Amino acid sequence: MALEKRPFKLFRNANAKIAAIPMIVTASVVFVGGTAWTVLYSFTNSKMLPRADFVGLFQYERLWGSAKWVIAIQNLAIYGVLSLIFAMVVGFLLAALLDQKIRFENTFRTIFLYPFALSFIVTGLAWQWILNPDFGIQAVVRGFGWTSFAFDPLYNADIVIYGVVIAGLWHETGLIMCLMLAGLRGIDEDIWKAARIDGIPTWQTYLFIVIPMMRGIFITALVLIASGIIKVYDLIVAQTGGGPGIASEVPAKYVYDAMFLSQNLGQGFAASSIMLLTVVIVVVPWAYLEFGGKKRHG
């Protein structure tokens, strides 16, 4: 009987499977093939055009010997950690406040979500003006009489990345808030009633009951934020241009500069491969624990 059922299962939904073949082939050729091609040519001495002049690990040694690349990795780590923490925390807190059925909820929700409708280029340019010491926050505060006030992160190499973080959080927190609010609205009202009857404080209800029930929402938000962190480029270009000096460089900008400005494809491919490896190291264990564990215990 088992042998008789296998062909039946194999050809179940055959039309859908046949229709998916072009997409599968395209994804395999474009993504898998393109990735393999990039990794392969990262071991070459390609300059303006790709060429099969293999030089082993030379491009990687040169990459990690570059101060610009090391600073880019450090900046990405700082930007990533702060973005993950603050976007999740602030987004959830805003959602919890809006979930209290406050007046003008739709207005506040629109205001908080509006920055996400803007491109990173517009966000970067807007915050470049806001943080400009001549006519931004610093100038406004000094106009009120506090002449010693100083706030010019974009012109200070030691803290410029934190100015970028502020702009990034302003852009993405509204989306996280909406996701969290949707999750909170999906919590059964009986759970809140039972918690109140049992005398459980509100903060404990959120921490030990509501948040674990919103696990899927948090994972979705985490994936969205992480994808934006890895590819952050236009925000840097619009807000700081990688400066002062190379103080706000990020890996994506390093790749662009190497490939299109320096015309060193081999170096750009090597940097791209390291970025890909970073994503794989993070995603594969998570995917295994998230889906492999469920399948194993299902």
C-alpha atoms as a PDB file:
ATOM      1  CA  MET A   1       0.000   0.000   0.000  1.00  0.00           C
ATOM      2  CA  ALA A   2       2.834   2.384   0.851  1.00  0.00           C
ATOM      3  CA  LEU A   3       4.379   1.834  -2.589  1.00  0.00           C
ATOM      4  CA  GLU A   4       1.049   2.542  -4.266  1.00  0.00           C
ATOM      5  CA  LYS A   5       0.616   5.857  -2.473  1.00  0.00           C
ATOM      6  CA  ARG A   6       4.023   7.282  -3.361  1.00  0.00           C
ATOM      7  CA  PRO A   7       3.322   7.966  -7.072  1.00  0.00           C
ATOM      8  CA  PHE A   8       0.008   9.512  -6.083  1.00  0.00           C
ATOM      9  CA  LYS A   9       1.712  11.870  -3.630  1.00  0.00           C
ATOM     10  CA  LEU A  10       4.452  12.658  -6.131  1.00  0.00           C
ATOM     11  CA  PHE A  11       1.969  13.883  -8.747  1.00  0.00           C
ATOM     12  CA  ARG A  12      -0.346  15.615  -6.300  1.00  0.00           C
ATOM     13  CA  ASN A  13      -0.824  19.284  -7.278  1.00  0.00           C
ATOM     14  CA  ALA A  14       1.162  18.566 -10.446  1.00  0.00           C
ATOM     15  CA  ASN A  15      -0.006  21.738 -12.190  1.00  0.00           C
ATOM     16  CA  ALA A  16       1.255  23.930  -9.355  1.00  0.00           C
ATOM     17  CA  LYS A  17       4.588  22.120  -9.311  1.00  0.00           C
ATOM     18  CA  ILE A  18       4.999  22.466 -13.080  1.00  0.00           C
ATOM     19  CA  ALA A  19       4.123  26.160 -12.895  1.00  0.00           C
ATOM     20  CA  ALA A  20       6.807  26.639 -10.240  1.00  0.00           C
ATOM     21  CA  ILE A  21       9.560  25.170 -12.410  1.00  0.00           C
ATOM     22  CA  PRO A  22      10.456  28.469 -14.214  1.00  0.00           C
ATOM     23  CA  MET A  23      10.714  30.270 -10.882  1.00  0.00           C
ATOM     24  CA  ILE A  24      12.890  27.515  -9.425  1.00  0.00           C
ATOM     25  CA  VAL A  25      15.181  27.500 -12.473  1.00  0.00           C
ATOM     26  CA  THR A  26      15.447  31.303 -12.452  1.00  0.00           C
ATOM     27  CA  ALA A  27      16.235  31.380  -8.735  1.00  0.00           C
ATOM     28  CA  SER A  28      18.827  28.644  -9.153  1.00  0.00           C
ATOM     29  CA  VAL A  29      20.572  30.345 -12.054  1.00  0.00           C
ATOM     30  CA  VAL A  30      20.398  33.927 -10.787  1.00  0.00           C
ATOM     31  CA  PHE A  31      20.913  33.481  -7.065  1.00  0.00           C
ATOM     32  CA  VAL A  32      22.778  30.207  -6.655  1.00  0.00           C
ATOM     33  CA  GLY A  33      24.743  30.575  -9.879  1.00  0.00           C
ATOM     34  CA  GLY A  34      25.487  34.249  -9.259  1.00  0.00           C
ATOM     35  CA  THR A  35      26.624  33.531  -5.710  1.00  0.00           C
ATOM     36  CA  ALA A  36      28.905  30.705  -6.829  1.00  0.00           C
ATOM     37  CA  TRP A  37      30.349  32.918  -9.576  1.00  0.00           C
ATOM     38  CA  THR A  38      31.034  35.729  -7.085  1.00  0.00           C
ATOM     39  CA  VAL A  39      32.768  33.425  -4.606  1.00  0.00           C
ATOM     40  CA  LEU A  40      34.833  31.812  -7.383  1.00  0.00           C
ATOM     41  CA  TYR A  41      36.090  35.138  -8.758  1.00  0.00           C
ATOM     42  CA  SER A  42      36.895  36.406  -5.264  1.00  0.00           C
ATOM     43  CA  PHE A  43      39.996  34.211  -5.565  1.00  0.00           C
ATOM     44  CA  THR A  44      41.126  36.010  -8.721  1.00  0.00           C
ATOM     45  CA  ASN A  45      43.004  39.223  -9.431  1.00  0.00           C
ATOM     46  CA  SER A  46      40.111  40.662 -11.450  1.00  0.00           C
ATOM     47  CA  LYS A  47      40.299  44.403 -11.969  1.00  0.00           C
ATOM     48  CA  MET A  48      37.919  46.312 -14.246  1.00  0.00           C
ATOM     49  CA  LEU A  49      36.665  43.073 -15.848  1.00  0.00           C
ATOM     50  CA  PRO A  50      36.444  39.517 -14.455  1.00  0.00           C
ATOM     51  CA  ARG A  51      39.350  37.280 -15.416  1.00  0.00           C
ATOM     52  CA  ALA A  52      40.410  33.820 -14.328  1.00  0.00           C
ATOM     53  CA  ASP A  53      43.735  34.942 -12.862  1.00  0.00           C
ATOM     54  CA  PHE A  54      43.593  32.980  -9.606  1.00  0.00           C
ATOM     55  CA  VAL A  55      45.674  34.328  -6.715  1.00  0.00           C
ATOM     56  CA  GLY A  56      44.420  32.160  -3.843  1.00  0.00           C
ATOM     57  CA  LEU A  57      43.557  34.039  -0.646  1.00  0.00           C
ATOM     58  CA  PHE A  58      45.337  37.225  -1.665  1.00  0.00           C
ATOM     59  CA  GLN A  59      42.141  39.299  -1.910  1.00  0.00           C
ATOM     60  CA  TYR A  60      41.003  38.142   1.540  1.00  0.00           C
ATOM     61  CA  GLU A  61      44.374  38.900   3.104  1.00  0.00           C
ATOM     62  CA  ARG A  62      44.315  42.328   1.531  1.00  0.00           C
ATOM     63  CA  LEU A  63      40.711  42.805   2.674  1.00  0.00           C
ATOM     64  CA  TRP A  64      41.391  42.115   6.341  1.00  0.00           C
ATOM     65  CA  GLY A  65      44.549  44.192   6.170  1.00  0.00           C
ATOM     66  CA  SER A  66      42.511  47.224   5.108  1.00  0.00           C
ATOM     67  CA  ALA A  67      41.677  49.698   7.887  1.00  0.00           C
ATOM     68  CA  LYS A  68      38.644  50.803   5.871  1.00  0.00           C
ATOM     69  CA  TRP A  69      37.181  47.275   5.900  1.00  0.00           C
ATOM     70  CA  VAL A  70      37.839  46.754   9.626  1.00  0.00           C
ATOM     71  CA  ILE A  71      36.107  50.062  10.419  1.00  0.00           C
ATOM     72  CA  ALA A  72      33.215  49.064   8.143  1.00  0.00           C
ATOM     73  CA  ILE A  73      32.746  45.792  10.051  1.00  0.00           C
ATOM     74  CA  GLN A  74      32.907  47.568  13.404  1.00  0.00           C
ATOM     75  CA  ASN A  75      30.341  50.128  12.271  1.00  0.00           C
ATOM     76  CA  LEU A  76      28.024  47.421  10.980  1.00  0.00           C
ATOM     77  CA  ALA A  77      28.253  45.610  14.331  1.00  0.00           C
ATOM     78  CA  ILE A  78      27.441  48.785  16.281  1.00  0.00           C
ATOM     79  CA  TYR A  79      24.636  49.774  13.916  1.00  0.00           C
ATOM     80  CA  GLY A  80      23.230  46.236  13.904  1.00  0.00           C
ATOM     81  CA  VAL A  81      23.208  45.652  17.665  1.00  0.00           C
ATOM     82  CA  LEU A  82      21.727  49.056  18.502  1.00  0.00           C
ATOM     83  CA  SER A  83      19.148  48.842  15.719  1.00  0.00           C
ATOM     84  CA  LEU A  84      17.986  45.391  16.787  1.00  0.00           C
ATOM     85  CA  ILE A  85      17.694  46.296  20.458  1.00  0.00           C
ATOM     86  CA  PHE A  86      16.149  49.749  20.223  1.00  0.00           C
ATOM     87  CA  ALA A  87      13.856  49.074  17.250  1.00  0.00           C
ATOM     88  CA  MET A  88      12.364  46.028  18.988  1.00  0.00           C
ATOM     89  CA  VAL A  89      12.075  47.676  22.413  1.00  0.00           C
ATOM     90  CA  VAL A  90      10.803  51.059  21.246  1.00  0.00           C
ATOM     91  CA  GLY A  91       8.510  49.481  18.655  1.00  0.00           C
ATOM     92  CA  PHE A  92       6.948  47.203  21.256  1.00  0.00           C
ATOM     93  CA  LEU A  93       6.538  50.001  23.810  1.00  0.00           C
ATOM     94  CA  LEU A  94       4.826  52.234  21.248  1.00  0.00           C
ATOM     95  CA  ALA A  95       2.547  49.354  20.249  1.00  0.00           C
ATOM     96  CA  ALA A  96       1.688  48.657  23.889  1.00  0.00           C
ATOM     97  CA  LEU A  97       0.746  52.325  24.381  1.00  0.00           C
ATOM     98  CA  LEU A  98      -1.414  52.422  21.256  1.00  0.00           C
ATOM     99  CA  ASP A  99      -3.065  49.165  22.315  1.00  0.00           C
ATOM    100  CA  GLN A 100      -4.633  51.001  25.255  1.00  0.00           C
ATOM    101  CA  LYS A 101      -7.324  52.362  22.887  1.00  0.00           C
ATOM    102  CA  ILE A 102      -6.070  55.928  23.226  1.00  0.00           C
ATOM    103  CA  ARG A 103      -7.707  58.855  21.451  1.00  0.00           C
ATOM    104  CA  PHE A 104      -6.453  59.742  17.975  1.00  0.00           C
ATOM    105  CA  GLU A 105      -4.862  56.318  17.683  1.00  0.00           C
ATOM    106  CA  ASN A 106      -5.059  56.358  13.871  1.00  0.00           C
ATOM    107  CA  THR A 107      -3.329  59.735  13.778  1.00  0.00           C
ATOM    108  CA  PHE A 108      -0.478  58.594  16.009  1.00  0.00           C
ATOM    109  CA  ARG A 109      -0.122  55.350  14.080  1.00  0.00           C
ATOM    110  CA  THR A 110       0.149  57.265  10.818  1.00  0.00           C
ATOM    111  CA  ILE A 111       2.714  59.677  12.272  1.00  0.00           C
ATOM    112  CA  PHE A 112       4.891  56.855  13.596  1.00  0.00           C
ATOM    113  CA  LEU A 113       4.637  54.811  10.391  1.00  0.00           C
ATOM    114  CA  TYR A 114       5.179  57.722   7.990  1.00  0.00           C
ATOM    115  CA  PRO A 115       9.030  57.659   8.129  1.00  0.00           C
ATOM    116  CA  PHE A 116       9.010  54.095   6.799  1.00  0.00           C
ATOM    117  CA  ALA A 117       7.264  55.339   3.656  1.00  0.00           C
ATOM    118  CA  LEU A 118      10.314  57.469   2.887  1.00  0.00           C
ATOM    119  CA  SER A 119      13.382  56.092   1.158  1.00  0.00           C
ATOM    120  CA  PHE A 120      16.660  55.819   3.048  1.00  0.00           C
ATOM    121  CA  ILE A 121      18.032  58.553   0.776  1.00  0.00           C
ATOM    122  CA  VAL A 122      15.354  60.998   1.941  1.00  0.00           C
ATOM    123  CA  THR A 123      15.798  59.861   5.550  1.00  0.00           C
ATOM    124  CA  GLY A 124      19.559  60.352   5.369  1.00  0.00           C
ATOM    125  CA  LEU A 125      19.268  63.818   3.848  1.00  0.00           C
ATOM    126  CA  ALA A 126      16.605  64.866   6.376  1.00  0.00           C
ATOM    127  CA  TRP A 127      18.721  63.794   9.339  1.00  0.00           C
ATOM    128  CA  GLN A 128      21.790  65.346   7.798  1.00  0.00           C
ATOM    129  CA  TRP A 129      19.974  68.676   8.118  1.00  0.00           C
ATOM    130  CA  ILE A 130      18.533  67.906  11.559  1.00  0.00           C
ATOM    131  CA  LEU A 131      21.966  67.031  12.966  1.00  0.00           C
ATOM    132  CA  ASN A 132      23.774  69.870  11.225  1.00  0.00           C
ATOM    133  CA  PRO A 133      25.316  72.075  13.957  1.00  0.00           C
ATOM    134  CA  ASP A 134      24.688  75.301  12.012  1.00  0.00           C
ATOM    135  CA  PHE A 135      20.913  75.025  11.646  1.00  0.00           C
ATOM    136  CA  GLY A 136      19.882  71.723  13.276  1.00  0.00           C
ATOM    137  CA  ILE A 137      19.260  70.623  16.851  1.00  0.00           C
ATOM    138  CA  GLN A 138      22.422  72.256  18.159  1.00  0.00           C
ATOM    139  CA  ALA A 139      21.552  75.634  16.624  1.00  0.00           C
ATOM    140  CA  VAL A 140      17.960  75.487  17.931  1.00  0.00           C
ATOM    141  CA  VAL A 141      19.019  74.679  21.501  1.00  0.00           C
ATOM    142  CA  ARG A 142      21.679  77.388  21.452  1.00  0.00           C
ATOM    143  CA  GLY A 143      19.035  79.788  20.200  1.00  0.00           C
ATOM    144  CA  PHE A 144      17.196  79.272  23.503  1.00  0.00           C
ATOM    145  CA  GLY A 145      20.252  80.507  25.395  1.00  0.00           C
ATOM    146  CA  TRP A 146      22.187  77.297  26.098  1.00  0.00           C
ATOM    147  CA  THR A 147      25.243  78.434  24.176  1.00  0.00           C
ATOM    148  CA  SER A 148      27.517  75.672  25.460  1.00  0.00           C
ATOM    149  CA  PHE A 149      25.283  72.904  24.105  1.00  0.00           C
ATOM    150  CA  ALA A 150      27.064  70.714  21.542  1.00  0.00           C
ATOM    151  CA  PHE A 151      25.425  68.007  19.434  1.00  0.00           C
ATOM    152  CA  ASP A 152      27.122  67.357  16.103  1.00  0.00           C
ATOM    153  CA  PRO A 153      27.539  63.570  15.782  1.00  0.00           C
ATOM    154  CA  LEU A 154      27.913  63.618  12.001  1.00  0.00           C
ATOM    155  CA  TYR A 155      31.023  65.790  12.292  1.00  0.00           C
ATOM    156  CA  ASN A 156      32.662  63.768  15.067  1.00  0.00           C
ATOM    157  CA  ALA A 157      34.480  60.648  13.860  1.00  0.00           C
ATOM    158  CA  ASP A 158      34.161  58.975  17.263  1.00  0.00           C
ATOM    159  CA  ILE A 159      30.349  59.077  17.393  1.00  0.00           C
ATOM    160  CA  VAL A 160      29.259  59.511  13.780  1.00  0.00           C
ATOM    161  CA  ILE A 161      27.847  55.965  13.582  1.00  0.00           C
ATOM    162  CA  TYR A 162      25.478  56.784  16.435  1.00  0.00           C
ATOM    163  CA  GLY A 163      24.074  59.667  14.390  1.00  0.00           C
ATOM    164  CA  VAL A 164      23.387  57.151  11.626  1.00  0.00           C
ATOM    165  CA  VAL A 165      21.708  54.835  14.143  1.00  0.00           C
ATOM    166  CA  ILE A 166      19.326  57.635  15.149  1.00  0.00           C
ATOM    167  CA  ALA A 167      18.224  58.109  11.538  1.00  0.00           C
ATOM    168  CA  GLY A 168      17.875  54.351  11.009  1.00  0.00           C
ATOM    169  CA  LEU A 169      15.717  53.938  14.114  1.00  0.00           C
ATOM    170  CA  TRP A 170      13.501  56.849  13.085  1.00  0.00           C
ATOM    171  CA  HIS A 171      12.965  55.140   9.743  1.00  0.00           C
ATOM    172  CA  GLU A 172      12.221  51.576  10.855  1.00  0.00           C
ATOM    173  CA  THR A 173      10.638  51.798  14.311  1.00  0.00           C
ATOM    174  CA  GLY A 174       7.193  52.654  12.917  1.00  0.00           C
ATOM    175  CA  LEU A 175       7.020  49.424  10.929  1.00  0.00           C
ATOM    176  CA  ILE A 176       8.037  47.363  13.964  1.00  0.00           C
ATOM    177  CA  MET A 177       5.392  49.187  16.007  1.00  0.00           C
ATOM    178  CA  CYS A 178       2.692  48.224  13.491  1.00  0.00           C
ATOM    179  CA  LEU A 179       3.787  44.589  13.495  1.00  0.00           C
ATOM    180  CA  MET A 180       3.777  44.499  17.289  1.00  0.00           C
ATOM    181  CA  LEU A 181       0.396  46.232  17.445  1.00  0.00           C
ATOM    182  CA  ALA A 182      -1.083  43.641  15.091  1.00  0.00           C
ATOM    183  CA  GLY A 183       0.303  40.919  17.356  1.00  0.00           C
ATOM    184  CA  LEU A 184      -1.111  42.543  20.484  1.00  0.00           C
ATOM    185  CA  ARG A 185      -4.530  42.924  18.879  1.00  0.00           C
ATOM    186  CA  GLY A 186      -4.460  39.185  18.198  1.00  0.00           C
ATOM    187  CA  ILE A 187      -4.140  38.322  21.894  1.00  0.00           C
ATOM    188  CA  ASP A 188      -7.403  36.958  23.297  1.00  0.00           C
ATOM    189  CA  GLU A 189      -9.062  39.389  25.692  1.00  0.00           C
ATOM    190  CA  ASP A 190      -9.776  36.492  28.060  1.00  0.00           C
ATOM    191  CA  ILE A 191      -6.040  36.237  28.745  1.00  0.00           C
ATOM    192  CA  TRP A 192      -5.970  39.820  30.003  1.00  0.00           C
ATOM    193  CA  LYS A 193      -9.067  39.236  32.110  1.00  0.00           C
ATOM    194  CA  ALA A 194      -7.582  36.086  33.661  1.00  0.00           C
ATOM    195  CA  ALA A 195      -4.348  37.914  34.452  1.00  0.00           C
ATOM    196  CA  ARG A 196      -6.245  40.742  36.160  1.00  0.00           C
ATOM    197  CA  ILE A 197      -8.321  38.276  38.172  1.00  0.00           C
ATOM    198  CA  ASP A 198      -5.161  36.502  39.323  1.00  0.00           C
ATOM    199  CA  GLY A 199      -3.666  39.836  40.341  1.00  0.00           C
ATOM    200  CA  ILE A 200      -0.724  39.600  37.912  1.00  0.00           C
ATOM    201  CA  PRO A 201       0.885  43.021  37.334  1.00  0.00           C
ATOM    202  CA  THR A 202       0.571  44.390  33.813  1.00  0.00           C
ATOM    203  CA  TRP A 203       4.325  44.342  33.154  1.00  0.00           C
ATOM    204  CA  GLN A 204       4.525  40.674  34.168  1.00  0.00           C
ATOM    205  CA  THR A 205       1.587  39.850  31.907  1.00  0.00           C
ATOM    206  CA  TYR A 206       3.438  41.409  28.979  1.00  0.00           C
ATOM    207  CA  LEU A 207       6.784  39.852  29.876  1.00  0.00           C
ATOM    208  CA  PHE A 208       5.778  36.291  30.744  1.00  0.00           C
ATOM    209  CA  ILE A 209       2.508  35.748  28.867  1.00  0.00           C
ATOM    210  CA  VAL A 210       2.006  38.145  25.961  1.00  0.00           C
ATOM    211  CA  ILE A 211       5.545  38.340  24.559  1.00  0.00           C
ATOM    212  CA  PRO A 212       6.010  34.519  24.417  1.00  0.00           C
ATOM    213  CA  MET A 213       2.691  34.303  22.558  1.00  0.00           C
ATOM    214  CA  MET A 214       4.001  36.832  20.009  1.00  0.00           C
ATOM    215  CA  ARG A 215       7.084  34.785  19.153  1.00  0.00           C
ATOM    216  CA  GLY A 216       6.214  34.687  15.445  1.00  0.00           C
ATOM    217  CA  ILE A 217       5.807  38.459  15.298  1.00  0.00           C
ATOM    218  CA  PHE A 218       9.177  38.997  16.977  1.00  0.00           C
ATOM    219  CA  ILE A 219      10.880  36.621  14.536  1.00  0.00           C
ATOM    220  CA  THR A 220       9.324  38.440  11.572  1.00  0.00           C
ATOM    221  CA  ALA A 221      10.449  41.797  12.953  1.00  0.00           C
ATOM    222  CA  LEU A 222      13.915  40.400  13.602  1.00  0.00           C
ATOM    223  CA  VAL A 223      14.262  39.154  10.026  1.00  0.00           C
ATOM    224  CA  LEU A 224      13.100  42.495   8.592  1.00  0.00           C
ATOM    225  CA  ILE A 225      15.516  44.489  10.738  1.00  0.00           C
ATOM    226  CA  ALA A 226      18.422  42.128  10.084  1.00  0.00           C
ATOM    227  CA  SER A 227      17.913  42.266   6.313  1.00  0.00           C
ATOM    228  CA  GLY A 228      18.021  46.060   6.454  1.00  0.00           C
ATOM    229  CA  ILE A 229      21.170  46.045   8.591  1.00  0.00           C
ATOM    230  CA  ILE A 230      23.211  43.849   6.256  1.00  0.00           C
ATOM    231  CA  LYS A 231      22.443  45.915   3.157  1.00  0.00           C
ATOM    232  CA  VAL A 232      22.588  49.386   4.728  1.00  0.00           C
ATOM    233  CA  TYR A 233      24.179  51.604   2.106  1.00  0.00           C
ATOM    234  CA  ASP A 234      21.997  54.449   0.864  1.00  0.00           C
ATOM    235  CA  LEU A 235      21.474  55.837   4.379  1.00  0.00           C
ATOM    236  CA  ILE A 236      25.243  56.150   4.807  1.00  0.00           C
ATOM    237  CA  VAL A 237      25.771  57.679   1.373  1.00  0.00           C
ATOM    238  CA  ALA A 238      23.011  60.261   1.867  1.00  0.00           C
ATOM    239  CA  GLN A 239      23.814  61.164   5.460  1.00  0.00           C
ATOM    240  CA  THR A 240      27.605  61.057   5.771  1.00  0.00           C
ATOM    241  CA  GLY A 241      29.117  59.775   2.522  1.00  0.00           C
ATOM    242  CA  GLY A 242      31.217  57.448   4.685  1.00  0.00           C
ATOM    243  CA  GLY A 243      32.845  60.359   6.531  1.00  0.00           C
ATOM    244  CA  PRO A 244      34.317  62.101   8.320  1.00  0.00           C
ATOM    245  CA  GLY A 245      37.193  60.391   6.527  1.00  0.00           C
ATOM    246  CA  ILE A 246      36.240  56.714   6.639  1.00  0.00           C
ATOM    247  CA  ALA A 247      34.650  56.850  10.106  1.00  0.00           C
ATOM    248  CA  SER A 248      31.159  55.780   8.958  1.00  0.00           C
ATOM    249  CA  GLU A 249      32.068  53.214   6.320  1.00  0.00           C
ATOM    250  CA  VAL A 250      29.934  50.043   6.067  1.00  0.00           C
ATOM    251  CA  PRO A 251      30.583  46.796   4.142  1.00  0.00           C
ATOM    252  CA  ALA A 252      28.041  47.499   1.384  1.00  0.00           C
ATOM    253  CA  LYS A 253      29.685  50.835   0.612  1.00  0.00           C
ATOM    254  CA  TYR A 254      33.129  49.189   0.703  1.00  0.00           C
ATOM    255  CA  VAL A 255      31.936  46.704  -1.940  1.00  0.00           C
ATOM    256  CA  TYR A 256      30.563  49.482  -4.145  1.00  0.00           C
ATOM    257  CA  ASP A 257      33.721  51.567  -3.849  1.00  0.00           C
ATOM    258  CA  ALA A 258      35.977  48.605  -4.598  1.00  0.00           C
ATOM    259  CA  MET A 259      34.028  47.467  -7.647  1.00  0.00           C
ATOM    260  CA  PHE A 260      32.995  50.747  -9.269  1.00  0.00           C
ATOM    261  CA  LEU A 261      35.362  53.429  -7.988  1.00  0.00           C
ATOM    262  CA  SER A 262      38.600  51.489  -7.557  1.00  0.00           C
ATOM    263  CA  GLN A 263      37.680  49.068 -10.392  1.00  0.00           C
ATOM    264  CA  ASN A 264      38.920  46.130  -8.335  1.00  0.00           C
ATOM    265  CA  LEU A 265      36.325  43.419  -8.874  1.00  0.00           C
ATOM    266  CA  GLY A 266      38.350  40.782  -7.042  1.00  0.00           C
ATOM    267  CA  GLN A 267      38.409  42.869  -3.865  1.00  0.00           C
ATOM    268  CA  GLY A 268      34.703  43.645  -4.184  1.00  0.00           C
ATOM    269  CA  PHE A 269      33.882  39.967  -4.697  1.00  0.00           C
ATOM    270  CA  ALA A 270      35.913  39.029  -1.624  1.00  0.00           C
ATOM    271  CA  ALA A 271      34.079  41.585   0.522  1.00  0.00           C
ATOM    272  CA  SER A 272      30.736  40.358  -0.863  1.00  0.00           C
ATOM    273  CA  SER A 273      31.662  36.767  -0.018  1.00  0.00           C
ATOM    274  CA  ILE A 274      32.450  37.723   3.578  1.00  0.00           C
ATOM    275  CA  MET A 275      29.063  39.453   3.845  1.00  0.00           C
ATOM    276  CA  LEU A 276      27.396  36.336   2.458  1.00  0.00           C
ATOM    277  CA  LEU A 277      29.277  34.136   4.916  1.00  0.00           C
ATOM    278  CA  THR A 278      28.109  36.341   7.787  1.00  0.00           C
ATOM    279  CA  VAL A 279      24.494  35.946   6.712  1.00  0.00           C
ATOM    280  CA  VAL A 280      24.878  32.173   6.380  1.00  0.00           C
ATOM    281  CA  ILE A 281      26.436  31.857   9.849  1.00  0.00           C
ATOM    282  CA  VAL A 282      23.456  33.692  11.337  1.00  0.00           C
ATOM    283  CA  VAL A 283      20.621  32.282   9.225  1.00  0.00           C
ATOM    284  CA  VAL A 284      21.486  28.577   8.981  1.00  0.00           C
ATOM    285  CA  PRO A 285      21.552  27.824  12.755  1.00  0.00           C
ATOM    286  CA  TRP A 286      18.362  29.844  13.215  1.00  0.00           C
ATOM    287  CA  ALA A 287      16.601  28.044  10.337  1.00  0.00           C
ATOM    288  CA  TYR A 288      17.718  24.669  11.699  1.00  0.00           C
ATOM    289  CA  LEU A 289      16.430  25.409  15.187  1.00  0.00           C
ATOM    290  CA  GLU A 290      13.232  27.003  13.900  1.00  0.00           C
ATOM    291  CA  PHE A 291      12.223  24.452  11.265  1.00  0.00           C
ATOM    292  CA  GLY A 292      14.435  21.411  11.803  1.00  0.00           C
ATOM    293  CA  GLY A 293      13.463  21.150  15.465  1.00  0.00           C
ATOM    294  CA  LYS A 294       9.771  21.401  14.659  1.00  0.00           C
ATOM    295  CA  LYS A 295      10.065  18.705  12.005  1.00  0.00           C
ATOM    296  CA  ARG A 296      12.046  16.476  14.326  1.00  0.00           C
ATOM    297  CA  HIS A 297       9.567  16.806  17.194  1.00  0.00           C
ATOM    298  CA  GLY A 298       6.490  16.995  15.025  1.00  0.00           C
END
